Amino acid sequence: FGTKAVCIGSGGSIPVAGSFAEILGIDAILLGFSLEDDLIHAPNEKYEVRSFRDGTRAQAAIMEALSGVEVPA
């Protein structure tokens, strides 16, 4: 999308991610596609439609990239 991806740690949790690891035995990758001024969880939060579209495109690219990965038995 014109800039390099940045891997950052962030406070917070999504409980289902722990369930994936516990029940399915797999780790989850959580990706965010919000903008600095979205003010997520603020009284005046917003979310751009383009962020949703970019996230959808990124998810498709990730799935395509992982489709050729060999998974150990």
Protein backbone atom coordinates (compact mmCIF):
# COMPACT_ATOMS: atom_id res chain seq x y z
CA PHE A 1 0.00 0.00 0.00
CA GLY A 2 2.93 2.30 -0.59
CA THR A 3 4.67 1.89 2.78
CA LYS A 4 6.55 -0.88 4.53
CA ALA A 5 4.64 -2.97 7.05
CA VAL A 6 5.48 -2.34 10.70
CA CYS A 7 5.34 -5.02 13.37
CA ILE A 8 4.29 -3.47 16.66
CA GLY A 9 3.13 -4.78 19.98
CA SER A 10 -0.12 -3.42 21.30
CA GLY A 11 -2.03 -3.71 24.54
CA GLY A 12 -5.38 -5.44 24.51
CA SER A 13 -6.64 -8.88 23.77
CA ILE A 14 -9.04 -10.75 21.58
CA PRO A 15 -10.09 -13.81 23.59
CA VAL A 16 -10.75 -16.03 20.57
CA ALA A 17 -7.03 -15.85 19.65
CA GLY A 18 -6.22 -17.77 22.84
CA SER A 19 -8.94 -20.29 21.98
CA PHE A 20 -7.38 -20.92 18.56
CA ALA A 21 -4.09 -21.80 20.23
CA GLU A 22 -5.69 -23.88 22.97
CA ILE A 23 -8.29 -25.79 20.95
CA LEU A 24 -6.79 -25.91 17.45
CA GLY A 25 -3.13 -25.86 18.41
CA ILE A 26 -2.37 -22.96 16.05
CA ASP A 27 -1.21 -19.42 16.60
CA ALA A 28 -3.21 -16.47 15.32
CA ILE A 29 -1.88 -13.44 13.49
CA LEU A 30 -3.91 -10.33 14.18
CA LEU A 31 -3.59 -7.52 11.66
CA GLY A 32 -4.90 -3.99 12.01
CA PHE A 33 -5.92 -1.75 9.14
CA SER A 34 -6.99 1.44 10.84
CA LEU A 35 -5.67 4.94 10.38
CA GLU A 36 -4.12 7.15 13.06
CA ASP A 37 -7.14 9.42 13.16
CA ASP A 38 -9.75 6.64 13.41
CA LEU A 39 -9.77 6.98 17.22
CA ILE A 40 -10.92 3.40 17.69
CA HIS A 41 -13.15 2.99 20.79
CA ALA A 42 -13.38 6.77 21.27
CA PRO A 43 -16.78 8.50 21.34
CA ASN A 44 -16.07 9.88 17.86
CA GLU A 45 -14.44 6.82 16.32
CA LYS A 46 -14.61 6.16 12.59
CA TYR A 47 -13.34 3.54 10.16
CA GLU A 48 -12.59 4.28 6.52
CA VAL A 49 -14.08 2.00 3.88
CA ARG A 50 -10.68 2.02 2.15
CA SER A 51 -9.14 0.48 5.29
CA PHE A 52 -11.67 -2.36 5.07
CA ARG A 53 -10.87 -2.83 1.37
CA ASP A 54 -7.12 -2.74 2.01
CA GLY A 55 -7.50 -5.32 4.78
CA THR A 56 -9.50 -7.58 2.46
CA ARG A 57 -6.84 -7.30 -0.26
CA ALA A 58 -4.08 -7.98 2.26
CA GLN A 59 -5.89 -11.06 3.59
CA ALA A 60 -6.22 -12.43 0.06
CA ALA A 61 -2.50 -11.85 -0.56
CA ILE A 62 -1.57 -13.55 2.72
CA MET A 63 -3.75 -16.58 1.92
CA GLU A 64 -2.18 -16.83 -1.54
CA ALA A 65 1.33 -16.60 -0.08
CA LEU A 66 0.56 -19.29 2.51
CA SER A 67 -1.12 -21.61 0.01
CA GLY A 68 2.23 -23.06 -1.05
CA VAL A 69 3.66 -23.49 2.44
CA GLU A 70 4.34 -27.08 3.49
CA VAL A 71 2.85 -27.88 6.89
CA PRO A 72 4.75 -30.49 8.93
CA ALA A 73 2.66 -33.50 9.88
